[in-house]
Amino acid sequence: MRFLWSFMILTLRQPGVAARSILLRQWPNESIWTGLFLAVILNALFFGVLGLILPDSSELAMFDMSPDSPGLSLMVSALRSVLFATMLTLGGRWLGGTGHFMPILSLLVWDQLLQLALMSVAVVVMLISPQLGNVVFLVIGLVLLFVLLNFVNEAHGFASLWRSFAVVLMASIVMFFAMIFIVGLLGPANLGLPENV
């Protein structure tokens, strides 16, 4: 537990160093896939409990997991992570990077676990002060973006965060349209979304 805390602090202070540490370990594929599904399940449990504590929070509505089809929601969440890792890999290589899918996926797994830990802190702050909580959520979003840019930078061997930003932007645009397609294919109701999405 102490190691995880230390590594979390390292990620926030020196995300490039943390990324290199993850990449140098060369995790087995089975460990990366297990970590991905663990992160997806923990996020689902977290937001499920959060929905009971803050049922009317508009900030958390986008994370709603459908109680009628939790398996489908988990599958879509995992698919979203895999697709994002794929887009980061292809986009980075298109811009001259050298990253590969599985190492990038391992970085995204840690990024998701880090996000879960930070959002837990933000929720506690929101329960104390909703206004301050909104500010904390915004700061966390910016911090996580900075971490992700450094992760992509290290994975592809870029010399500039601007190139990493271009990769993340392209991947996010593709993800946006891909999720619209998935929602249209499966139906909003099956994903716990309003019918007019």
Protein backbone atom coordinates (compact mmCIF):
# COMPACT_ATOMS: atom_id res chain seq x y z
CA MET A 1 0.00 0.00 0.00
CA ARG A 2 2.87 2.35 0.81
CA PHE A 3 4.38 1.61 -2.60
CA LEU A 4 1.13 2.53 -4.37
CA TRP A 5 0.91 5.79 -2.44
CA SER A 6 4.55 6.64 -3.25
CA PHE A 7 4.05 5.79 -6.91
CA MET A 8 0.90 7.90 -7.03
CA ILE A 9 2.83 10.89 -5.68
CA LEU A 10 5.60 10.22 -8.20
CA THR A 11 3.04 10.14 -11.02
CA LEU A 12 1.62 13.49 -9.99
CA ARG A 13 5.01 15.15 -9.52
CA GLN A 14 6.99 13.47 -12.31
CA PRO A 15 4.57 11.68 -14.66
CA GLY A 16 7.30 11.08 -17.24
CA VAL A 17 9.45 9.22 -14.72
CA ALA A 18 6.43 7.18 -13.59
CA ALA A 19 5.61 6.31 -17.20
CA ARG A 20 9.16 5.12 -17.85
CA SER A 21 9.02 2.98 -14.71
CA ILE A 22 5.80 1.30 -15.92
CA LEU A 23 7.13 0.78 -19.44
CA LEU A 24 10.46 -0.68 -18.26
CA ARG A 25 8.70 -3.39 -16.26
CA GLN A 26 7.34 -4.96 -19.47
CA TRP A 27 4.21 -6.33 -17.83
CA PRO A 28 2.82 -9.65 -19.13
CA ASN A 29 -0.25 -9.21 -21.33
CA GLU A 30 -2.37 -11.18 -18.87
CA SER A 31 -1.47 -8.76 -16.07
CA ILE A 32 -2.39 -5.75 -18.20
CA TRP A 33 -5.78 -7.18 -19.19
CA THR A 34 -6.46 -8.16 -15.57
CA GLY A 35 -5.56 -4.64 -14.47
CA LEU A 36 -7.88 -3.16 -17.09
CA PHE A 37 -10.89 -5.18 -15.98
CA LEU A 38 -10.07 -4.50 -12.33
CA ALA A 39 -10.00 -0.76 -13.06
CA VAL A 40 -13.31 -0.98 -14.94
CA ILE A 41 -15.00 -2.91 -12.13
CA LEU A 42 -13.64 -0.60 -9.41
CA ASN A 43 -14.87 2.43 -11.35
CA ALA A 44 -18.30 0.85 -11.74
CA LEU A 45 -18.50 0.10 -8.01
CA PHE A 46 -17.25 3.57 -7.14
CA PHE A 47 -19.82 5.39 -9.24
CA GLY A 48 -22.53 2.96 -8.17
CA VAL A 49 -21.95 3.86 -4.52
CA LEU A 50 -21.59 7.49 -5.50
CA GLY A 51 -24.97 7.37 -7.18
CA LEU A 52 -26.50 6.40 -3.84
CA ILE A 53 -24.71 9.22 -2.02
CA LEU A 54 -25.23 11.92 -4.67
CA PRO A 55 -28.19 10.70 -6.74
CA ASP A 56 -28.95 14.12 -8.26
CA SER A 57 -25.42 15.23 -9.10
CA SER A 58 -25.34 16.48 -12.69
CA GLU A 59 -21.53 16.36 -12.70
CA LEU A 60 -21.64 12.59 -12.24
CA ALA A 61 -24.53 11.83 -14.59
CA MET A 62 -22.17 10.91 -17.44
CA PHE A 63 -20.73 8.06 -15.37
CA ASP A 64 -24.10 6.46 -14.65
CA MET A 65 -24.07 2.68 -14.99
CA SER A 66 -27.31 1.13 -16.08
CA PRO A 67 -28.78 -1.05 -13.29
CA ASP A 68 -30.73 -3.01 -15.92
CA SER A 69 -27.64 -4.15 -17.81
CA PRO A 70 -24.50 -3.72 -15.69
CA GLY A 71 -22.66 -6.32 -17.77
CA LEU A 72 -23.25 -4.31 -20.94
CA SER A 73 -22.12 -1.12 -19.22
CA LEU A 74 -18.92 -2.80 -18.05
CA MET A 75 -18.29 -4.17 -21.53
CA VAL A 76 -18.73 -0.74 -23.11
CA SER A 77 -16.42 0.82 -20.50
CA ALA A 78 -13.71 -1.76 -21.21
CA LEU A 79 -14.21 -1.35 -24.96
CA ARG A 80 -13.84 2.40 -24.59
CA SER A 81 -10.48 1.98 -22.85
CA VAL A 82 -9.24 -0.48 -25.47
CA LEU A 83 -10.37 1.76 -28.32
CA PHE A 84 -8.71 4.80 -26.74
CA ALA A 85 -5.44 2.88 -26.33
CA THR A 86 -5.69 1.80 -29.97
CA MET A 87 -6.24 5.36 -31.16
CA LEU A 88 -3.34 6.64 -29.04
CA THR A 89 -1.12 3.94 -30.53
CA LEU A 90 -2.10 4.52 -34.16
CA GLY A 91 -2.20 8.31 -33.85
CA GLY A 92 1.19 8.41 -32.18
CA ARG A 93 2.81 6.18 -34.78
CA TRP A 94 1.26 8.28 -37.53
CA LEU A 95 3.05 11.29 -36.05
CA GLY A 96 6.37 9.46 -35.88
CA GLY A 97 6.07 7.77 -32.49
CA THR A 98 7.33 4.31 -31.60
CA GLY A 99 4.74 3.20 -29.03
CA HIS A 100 2.93 -0.14 -29.04
CA PHE A 101 -0.58 -1.05 -27.97
CA MET A 102 0.01 -3.14 -24.83
CA PRO A 103 2.50 -0.77 -23.17
CA ILE A 104 0.15 2.14 -23.84
CA LEU A 105 -2.76 0.13 -22.44
CA SER A 106 -0.73 -0.53 -19.27
CA LEU A 107 -0.24 3.23 -18.86
CA LEU A 108 -3.97 3.82 -19.30
CA VAL A 109 -4.74 1.21 -16.64
CA TRP A 110 -2.63 3.08 -14.10
CA ASP A 111 -4.13 6.37 -15.29
CA GLN A 112 -7.63 5.03 -14.57
CA LEU A 113 -6.67 3.83 -11.11
CA LEU A 114 -5.08 7.20 -10.39
CA GLN A 115 -8.24 8.94 -11.59
CA LEU A 116 -10.33 6.80 -9.25
CA ALA A 117 -8.16 7.74 -6.25
CA LEU A 118 -8.21 11.45 -7.06
CA MET A 119 -11.95 11.51 -7.66
CA SER A 120 -12.50 9.85 -4.29
CA VAL A 121 -10.78 12.83 -2.70
CA ALA A 122 -12.82 15.24 -4.84
CA VAL A 123 -16.08 13.61 -3.78
CA VAL A 124 -15.19 14.02 -0.11
CA VAL A 125 -14.49 17.70 -0.76
CA MET A 126 -17.79 18.03 -2.66
CA LEU A 127 -19.72 16.57 0.29
CA ILE A 128 -18.19 19.26 2.49
CA SER A 129 -18.45 22.13 0.01
CA PRO A 130 -20.11 21.65 -3.42
CA GLN A 131 -18.57 24.85 -4.80
CA LEU A 132 -15.07 23.87 -3.73
CA GLY A 133 -15.73 20.34 -4.97
CA ASN A 134 -16.43 21.64 -8.48
CA VAL A 135 -13.12 23.50 -8.46
CA VAL A 136 -11.31 20.36 -7.27
CA PHE A 137 -12.91 18.32 -10.07
CA LEU A 138 -11.68 20.89 -12.60
CA VAL A 139 -8.14 20.84 -11.17
CA ILE A 140 -8.12 17.03 -11.20
CA GLY A 141 -9.18 17.04 -14.83
CA LEU A 142 -6.29 19.31 -15.76
CA VAL A 143 -3.82 17.26 -13.70
CA LEU A 144 -4.96 14.01 -15.32
CA LEU A 145 -4.62 15.58 -18.77
CA PHE A 146 -1.05 16.61 -17.94
CA VAL A 147 -0.31 13.08 -16.72
CA LEU A 148 -1.82 11.54 -19.86
CA LEU A 149 0.21 13.84 -22.13
CA ASN A 150 3.41 12.78 -20.37
CA PHE A 151 2.40 9.11 -20.59
CA VAL A 152 1.84 9.40 -24.35
CA ASN A 153 5.07 11.36 -24.70
CA GLU A 154 7.10 8.61 -23.01
CA ALA A 155 5.30 5.75 -24.76
CA HIS A 156 6.00 7.17 -28.22
CA GLY A 157 9.38 8.73 -27.49
CA PHE A 158 8.24 12.22 -28.44
CA ALA A 159 10.37 15.24 -27.61
CA SER A 160 7.40 17.57 -27.16
CA LEU A 161 4.16 17.49 -25.19
CA TRP A 162 2.52 19.38 -28.06
CA ARG A 163 2.83 16.31 -30.26
CA SER A 164 1.34 14.24 -27.46
CA PHE A 165 -1.50 16.76 -27.24
CA ALA A 166 -2.18 16.32 -30.96
CA VAL A 167 -2.34 12.54 -30.50
CA VAL A 168 -4.70 12.79 -27.51
CA LEU A 169 -6.89 15.29 -29.37
CA MET A 170 -7.17 13.04 -32.43
CA ALA A 171 -7.88 9.99 -30.27
CA SER A 172 -10.56 11.89 -28.32
CA ILE A 173 -12.31 13.02 -31.52
CA VAL A 174 -12.37 9.47 -32.86
CA MET A 175 -13.61 8.24 -29.47
CA PHE A 176 -16.42 10.80 -29.50
CA PHE A 177 -17.80 9.59 -32.81
CA ALA A 178 -17.18 5.94 -31.91
CA MET A 179 -19.22 6.29 -28.71
CA ILE A 180 -22.04 7.99 -30.65
CA PHE A 181 -22.03 4.97 -32.97
CA ILE A 182 -22.03 2.50 -30.05
CA VAL A 183 -24.87 4.33 -28.29
CA GLY A 184 -26.87 4.36 -31.52
CA LEU A 185 -26.17 0.67 -32.10
CA LEU A 186 -26.98 -0.60 -28.62
CA GLY A 187 -29.58 2.00 -27.68
CA PRO A 188 -29.28 4.69 -24.97
CA ALA A 189 -31.60 2.85 -22.58
CA ASN A 190 -29.33 -0.22 -22.52
CA LEU A 191 -26.43 1.96 -21.41
CA GLY A 192 -28.32 3.80 -18.70
CA LEU A 193 -28.58 6.99 -20.75
CA PRO A 194 -31.63 9.18 -21.39
CA GLU A 195 -33.57 8.35 -24.54
CA ASN A 196 -32.90 11.79 -26.06
CA VAL A 197 -29.08 11.41 -26.01
